[in-house]
Amino acid sequence: MYFRGHPPPHVHIITSSRQEAQLRLSDLSVLAGHVPPSVLGKARAWAAGNSDLLREKWNALHPD
């Protein structure tokens, strides 16, 4: 998540091999990019388990 992010609320997934994807917080769908399925699955599971924290952080960084 970046301070100067843009809607919709999302997080960035970046692998050690520099593959990148953006994961929408509302439904955990991929907005852009591509990462291996195993990485995407782990990222989705983590985001699902931390959804309240992620939404709280997004709202703090991006006030309306």
PDB file of N, CA and C in Angstrom:
ATOM      1  N   MET A   1       0.858  -1.168   0.000  1.00  0.00           N
ATOM      2  CA  MET A   1       0.000   0.000   0.000  1.00  0.00           C
ATOM      3  C   MET A   1       0.904   1.231   0.000  1.00  0.00           C
ATOM      4  N   TYR A   2       0.581   2.175  -0.849  1.00  0.00           N
ATOM      5  CA  TYR A   2       1.388   3.383  -0.952  1.00  0.00           C
ATOM      6  C   TYR A   2       0.610   4.583  -0.431  1.00  0.00           C
ATOM      7  N   PHE A   3       1.344   5.533   0.144  1.00  0.00           N
ATOM      8  CA  PHE A   3       0.725   6.735   0.694  1.00  0.00           C
ATOM      9  C   PHE A   3      -0.067   7.486  -0.375  1.00  0.00           C
ATOM     10  N   ARG A   4       0.490   7.621  -1.548  1.00  0.00           N
ATOM     11  CA  ARG A   4      -0.188   8.352  -2.618  1.00  0.00           C
ATOM     12  C   ARG A   4      -0.910   7.395  -3.564  1.00  0.00           C
ATOM     13  N   GLY A   5      -1.545   6.391  -2.995  1.00  0.00           N
ATOM     14  CA  GLY A   5      -2.273   5.417  -3.789  1.00  0.00           C
ATOM     15  C   GLY A   5      -3.491   6.026  -4.450  1.00  0.00           C
ATOM     16  N   HIS A   6      -4.096   5.282  -5.296  1.00  0.00           N
ATOM     17  CA  HIS A   6      -5.262   5.726  -6.045  1.00  0.00           C
ATOM     18  C   HIS A   6      -6.385   4.723  -5.823  1.00  0.00           C
ATOM     19  N   PRO A   7      -7.617   5.164  -5.902  1.00  0.00           N
ATOM     20  CA  PRO A   7      -8.742   4.247  -5.751  1.00  0.00           C
ATOM     21  C   PRO A   7      -8.743   3.218  -6.887  1.00  0.00           C
ATOM     22  N   PRO A   8      -9.367   2.106  -6.703  1.00  0.00           N
ATOM     23  CA  PRO A   8     -10.019   1.618  -5.487  1.00  0.00           C
ATOM     24  C   PRO A   8      -8.984   1.158  -4.464  1.00  0.00           C
ATOM     25  N   PRO A   9      -9.404   0.995  -3.211  1.00  0.00           N
ATOM     26  CA  PRO A   9      -8.475   0.521  -2.186  1.00  0.00           C
ATOM     27  C   PRO A   9      -7.837  -0.811  -2.608  1.00  0.00           C
ATOM     28  N   HIS A  10      -6.505  -0.873  -2.513  1.00  0.00           N
ATOM     29  CA  HIS A  10      -5.782  -2.057  -2.948  1.00  0.00           C
ATOM     30  C   HIS A  10      -4.424  -2.130  -2.267  1.00  0.00           C
ATOM     31  N   VAL A  11      -3.800  -3.281  -2.374  1.00  0.00           N
ATOM     32  CA  VAL A  11      -2.431  -3.476  -1.923  1.00  0.00           C
ATOM     33  C   VAL A  11      -1.616  -3.986  -3.095  1.00  0.00           C
ATOM     34  N   HIS A  12      -0.310  -3.769  -3.002  1.00  0.00           N
ATOM     35  CA  HIS A  12       0.604  -4.251  -4.023  1.00  0.00           C
ATOM     36  C   HIS A  12       1.270  -5.522  -3.531  1.00  0.00           C
ATOM     37  N   ILE A  13       1.362  -6.500  -4.414  1.00  0.00           N
ATOM     38  CA  ILE A  13       2.095  -7.725  -4.151  1.00  0.00           C
ATOM     39  C   ILE A  13       3.344  -7.649  -5.023  1.00  0.00           C
ATOM     40  N   ILE A  14       4.504  -7.771  -4.417  1.00  0.00           N
ATOM     41  CA  ILE A  14       5.755  -7.715  -5.165  1.00  0.00           C
ATOM     42  C   ILE A  14       6.591  -8.922  -4.759  1.00  0.00           C
ATOM     43  N   THR A  15       6.987  -9.711  -5.742  1.00  0.00           N
ATOM     44  CA  THR A  15       7.777 -10.907  -5.464  1.00  0.00           C
ATOM     45  C   THR A  15       9.263 -10.582  -5.472  1.00  0.00           C
ATOM     46  N   SER A  16      10.065 -11.523  -4.997  1.00  0.00           N
ATOM     47  CA  SER A  16      11.519 -11.336  -4.992  1.00  0.00           C
ATOM     48  C   SER A  16      12.082 -11.247  -6.402  1.00  0.00           C
ATOM     49  N   SER A  17      11.351 -11.779  -7.382  1.00  0.00           N
ATOM     50  CA  SER A  17      11.803 -11.692  -8.777  1.00  0.00           C
ATOM     51  C   SER A  17      11.170 -10.491  -9.493  1.00  0.00           C
ATOM     52  N   ARG A  18      10.626  -9.568  -8.705  1.00  0.00           N
ATOM     53  CA  ARG A  18      10.069  -8.301  -9.189  1.00  0.00           C
ATOM     54  C   ARG A  18       8.792  -8.430 -10.016  1.00  0.00           C
ATOM     55  N   GLN A  19       8.080  -9.505  -9.840  1.00  0.00           N
ATOM     56  CA  GLN A  19       6.744  -9.587 -10.431  1.00  0.00           C
ATOM     57  C   GLN A  19       5.826  -8.812  -9.497  1.00  0.00           C
ATOM     58  N   GLU A  20       4.818  -8.168 -10.069  1.00  0.00           N
ATOM     59  CA  GLU A  20       3.956  -7.325  -9.244  1.00  0.00           C
ATOM     60  C   GLU A  20       2.505  -7.446  -9.685  1.00  0.00           C
ATOM     61  N   ALA A  21       1.611  -7.350  -8.703  1.00  0.00           N
ATOM     62  CA  ALA A  21       0.174  -7.310  -8.961  1.00  0.00           C
ATOM     63  C   ALA A  21      -0.462  -6.394  -7.922  1.00  0.00           C
ATOM     64  N   GLN A  22      -1.637  -5.900  -8.251  1.00  0.00           N
ATOM     65  CA  GLN A  22      -2.424  -5.095  -7.315  1.00  0.00           C
ATOM     66  C   GLN A  22      -3.663  -5.893  -6.957  1.00  0.00           C
ATOM     67  N   LEU A  23      -3.935  -5.999  -5.672  1.00  0.00           N
ATOM     68  CA  LEU A  23      -5.044  -6.785  -5.158  1.00  0.00           C
ATOM     69  C   LEU A  23      -6.077  -5.858  -4.539  1.00  0.00           C
ATOM     70  N   ARG A  24      -7.285  -5.856  -5.105  1.00  0.00           N
ATOM     71  CA  ARG A  24      -8.383  -5.013  -4.605  1.00  0.00           C
ATOM     72  C   ARG A  24      -8.803  -5.520  -3.222  1.00  0.00           C
ATOM     73  N   LEU A  25      -8.982  -4.603  -2.283  1.00  0.00           N
ATOM     74  CA  LEU A  25      -9.342  -5.005  -0.924  1.00  0.00           C
ATOM     75  C   LEU A  25     -10.777  -5.502  -0.800  1.00  0.00           C
ATOM     76  N   SER A  26     -11.679  -4.974  -1.596  1.00  0.00           N
ATOM     77  CA  SER A  26     -13.096  -5.312  -1.418  1.00  0.00           C
ATOM     78  C   SER A  26     -13.407  -6.774  -1.728  1.00  0.00           C
ATOM     79  N   ASP A  27     -12.778  -7.331  -2.758  1.00  0.00           N
ATOM     80  CA  ASP A  27     -13.095  -8.715  -3.132  1.00  0.00           C
ATOM     81  C   ASP A  27     -11.852  -9.562  -3.417  1.00  0.00           C
ATOM     82  N   LEU A  28     -10.675  -8.996  -3.165  1.00  0.00           N
ATOM     83  CA  LEU A  28      -9.392  -9.675  -3.343  1.00  0.00           C
ATOM     84  C   LEU A  28      -9.146 -10.124  -4.782  1.00  0.00           C
ATOM     85  N   SER A  29      -9.728  -9.388  -5.719  1.00  0.00           N
ATOM     86  CA  SER A  29      -9.472  -9.675  -7.133  1.00  0.00           C
ATOM     87  C   SER A  29      -8.216  -8.925  -7.579  1.00  0.00           C
ATOM     88  N   VAL A  30      -7.607  -9.412  -8.647  1.00  0.00           N
ATOM     89  CA  VAL A  30      -6.418  -8.771  -9.193  1.00  0.00           C
ATOM     90  C   VAL A  30      -6.848  -7.604 -10.077  1.00  0.00           C
ATOM     91  N   LEU A  31      -6.366  -6.417  -9.749  1.00  0.00           N
ATOM     92  CA  LEU A  31      -6.659  -5.218 -10.542  1.00  0.00           C
ATOM     93  C   LEU A  31      -5.719  -5.109 -11.723  1.00  0.00           C
ATOM     94  N   ALA A  32      -4.464  -5.438 -11.499  1.00  0.00           N
ATOM     95  CA  ALA A  32      -3.452  -5.290 -12.547  1.00  0.00           C
ATOM     96  C   ALA A  32      -2.271  -6.179 -12.191  1.00  0.00           C
ATOM     97  N   GLY A  33      -1.514  -6.542 -13.198  1.00  0.00           N
ATOM     98  CA  GLY A  33      -0.288  -7.283 -12.982  1.00  0.00           C
ATOM     99  C   GLY A  33      -0.501  -8.782 -12.893  1.00  0.00           C
ATOM    100  N   HIS A  34       0.594  -9.454 -12.561  1.00  0.00           N
ATOM    101  CA  HIS A  34       0.569 -10.914 -12.477  1.00  0.00           C
ATOM    102  C   HIS A  34       1.653 -11.390 -11.524  1.00  0.00           C
ATOM    103  N   VAL A  35       1.276 -12.305 -10.662  1.00  0.00           N
ATOM    104  CA  VAL A  35       2.222 -13.020  -9.809  1.00  0.00           C
ATOM    105  C   VAL A  35       1.863 -14.502  -9.906  1.00  0.00           C
ATOM    106  N   PRO A  36       2.792 -15.386  -9.581  1.00  0.00           N
ATOM    107  CA  PRO A  36       2.489 -16.818  -9.643  1.00  0.00           C
ATOM    108  C   PRO A  36       1.278 -17.170  -8.770  1.00  0.00           C
ATOM    109  N   PRO A  37       0.509 -18.170  -9.191  1.00  0.00           N
ATOM    110  CA  PRO A  37      -0.682 -18.568  -8.428  1.00  0.00           C
ATOM    111  C   PRO A  37      -0.402 -18.869  -6.957  1.00  0.00           C
ATOM    112  N   SER A  38       0.728 -19.475  -6.654  1.00  0.00           N
ATOM    113  CA  SER A  38       1.029 -19.787  -5.252  1.00  0.00           C
ATOM    114  C   SER A  38       1.221 -18.514  -4.432  1.00  0.00           C
ATOM    115  N   VAL A  39       1.851 -17.513  -5.022  1.00  0.00           N
ATOM    116  CA  VAL A  39       2.050 -16.227  -4.342  1.00  0.00           C
ATOM    117  C   VAL A  39       0.706 -15.521  -4.183  1.00  0.00           C
ATOM    118  N   LEU A  40      -0.097 -15.537  -5.230  1.00  0.00           N
ATOM    119  CA  LEU A  40      -1.412 -14.898  -5.170  1.00  0.00           C
ATOM    120  C   LEU A  40      -2.276 -15.537  -4.092  1.00  0.00           C
ATOM    121  N   GLY A  41      -2.255 -16.837  -4.007  1.00  0.00           N
ATOM    122  CA  GLY A  41      -3.038 -17.530  -2.982  1.00  0.00           C
ATOM    123  C   GLY A  41      -2.619 -17.144  -1.577  1.00  0.00           C
ATOM    124  N   LYS A  42      -1.317 -17.079  -1.358  1.00  0.00           N
ATOM    125  CA  LYS A  42      -0.814 -16.687  -0.032  1.00  0.00           C
ATOM    126  C   LYS A  42      -1.172 -15.235   0.277  1.00  0.00           C
ATOM    127  N   ALA A  43      -1.051 -14.367  -0.727  1.00  0.00           N
ATOM    128  CA  ALA A  43      -1.382 -12.955  -0.519  1.00  0.00           C
ATOM    129  C   ALA A  43      -2.865 -12.784  -0.225  1.00  0.00           C
ATOM    130  N   ARG A  44      -3.697 -13.502  -0.955  1.00  0.00           N
ATOM    131  CA  ARG A  44      -5.146 -13.416  -0.701  1.00  0.00           C
ATOM    132  C   ARG A  44      -5.487 -13.904   0.698  1.00  0.00           C
ATOM    133  N   ALA A  45      -4.884 -15.002   1.110  1.00  0.00           N
ATOM    134  CA  ALA A  45      -5.152 -15.537   2.449  1.00  0.00           C
ATOM    135  C   ALA A  45      -4.721 -14.543   3.519  1.00  0.00           C
ATOM    136  N   TRP A  46      -3.551 -13.926   3.331  1.00  0.00           N
ATOM    137  CA  TRP A  46      -3.071 -12.951   4.303  1.00  0.00           C
ATOM    138  C   TRP A  46      -3.992 -11.736   4.331  1.00  0.00           C
ATOM    139  N   ALA A  47      -4.357 -11.241   3.159  1.00  0.00           N
ATOM    140  CA  ALA A  47      -5.221 -10.055   3.084  1.00  0.00           C
ATOM    141  C   ALA A  47      -6.593 -10.342   3.692  1.00  0.00           C
ATOM    142  N   ALA A  48      -7.125 -11.522   3.455  1.00  0.00           N
ATOM    143  CA  ALA A  48      -8.426 -11.882   4.030  1.00  0.00           C
ATOM    144  C   ALA A  48      -8.352 -11.901   5.553  1.00  0.00           C
ATOM    145  N   GLY A  49      -7.260 -12.400   6.092  1.00  0.00           N
ATOM    146  CA  GLY A  49      -7.095 -12.464   7.537  1.00  0.00           C
ATOM    147  C   GLY A  49      -6.783 -11.127   8.177  1.00  0.00           C
ATOM    148  N   ASN A  50      -6.394 -10.165   7.369  1.00  0.00           N
ATOM    149  CA  ASN A  50      -6.024  -8.843   7.874  1.00  0.00           C
ATOM    150  C   ASN A  50      -6.855  -7.732   7.243  1.00  0.00           C
ATOM    151  N   SER A  51      -8.042  -8.064   6.774  1.00  0.00           N
ATOM    152  CA  SER A  51      -8.856  -7.107   6.019  1.00  0.00           C
ATOM    153  C   SER A  51      -9.213  -5.867   6.830  1.00  0.00           C
ATOM    154  N   ASP A  52      -9.544  -6.033   8.096  1.00  0.00           N
ATOM    155  CA  ASP A  52      -9.886  -4.862   8.917  1.00  0.00           C
ATOM    156  C   ASP A  52      -8.696  -3.919   9.045  1.00  0.00           C
ATOM    157  N   LEU A  53      -7.526  -4.467   9.295  1.00  0.00           N
ATOM    158  CA  LEU A  53      -6.317  -3.652   9.413  1.00  0.00           C
ATOM    159  C   LEU A  53      -6.003  -2.949   8.095  1.00  0.00           C
ATOM    160  N   LEU A  54      -6.119  -3.663   6.982  1.00  0.00           N
ATOM    161  CA  LEU A  54      -5.823  -3.069   5.678  1.00  0.00           C
ATOM    162  C   LEU A  54      -6.781  -1.931   5.355  1.00  0.00           C
ATOM    163  N   ARG A  55      -8.069  -2.119   5.624  1.00  0.00           N
ATOM    164  CA  ARG A  55      -9.034  -1.045   5.375  1.00  0.00           C
ATOM    165  C   ARG A  55      -8.766   0.155   6.290  1.00  0.00           C
ATOM    166  N   GLU A  56      -8.415  -0.116   7.538  1.00  0.00           N
ATOM    167  CA  GLU A  56      -8.098   0.958   8.473  1.00  0.00           C
ATOM    168  C   GLU A  56      -6.882   1.756   7.982  1.00  0.00           C
ATOM    169  N   LYS A  57      -5.852   1.062   7.549  1.00  0.00           N
ATOM    170  CA  LYS A  57      -4.651   1.733   7.046  1.00  0.00           C
ATOM    171  C   LYS A  57      -4.941   2.512   5.775  1.00  0.00           C
ATOM    172  N   TRP A  58      -5.727   1.916   4.859  1.00  0.00           N
ATOM    173  CA  TRP A  58      -6.069   2.626   3.629  1.00  0.00           C
ATOM    174  C   TRP A  58      -6.795   3.934   3.967  1.00  0.00           C
ATOM    175  N   ASN A  59      -7.785   3.841   4.861  1.00  0.00           N
ATOM    176  CA  ASN A  59      -8.564   5.036   5.215  1.00  0.00           C
ATOM    177  C   ASN A  59      -7.705   6.089   5.910  1.00  0.00           C
ATOM    178  N   ALA A  60      -6.735   5.657   6.698  1.00  0.00           N
ATOM    179  CA  ALA A  60      -5.840   6.618   7.361  1.00  0.00           C
ATOM    180  C   ALA A  60      -4.927   7.310   6.348  1.00  0.00           C
ATOM    181  N   LEU A  61      -4.477   6.574   5.334  1.00  0.00           N
ATOM    182  CA  LEU A  61      -3.577   7.146   4.326  1.00  0.00           C
ATOM    183  C   LEU A  61      -4.304   7.914   3.242  1.00  0.00           C
ATOM    184  N   HIS A  62      -5.588   7.632   3.069  1.00  0.00           N
ATOM    185  CA  HIS A  62      -6.358   8.246   1.977  1.00  0.00           C
ATOM    186  C   HIS A  62      -7.681   8.810   2.494  1.00  0.00           C
ATOM    187  N   PRO A  63      -7.623   9.834   3.348  1.00  0.00           N
ATOM    188  CA  PRO A  63      -8.882  10.407   3.848  1.00  0.00           C
ATOM    189  C   PRO A  63      -9.697  11.002   2.710  1.00  0.00           C
ATOM    190  N   ASP A  64     -11.004  10.901   2.825  1.00  0.00           N
ATOM    191  CA  ASP A  64     -11.895  11.439   1.772  1.00  0.00           C
ATOM    192  C   ASP A  64     -11.875  12.926   1.716  1.00  0.00           C
TER     193      ASP A  64
END
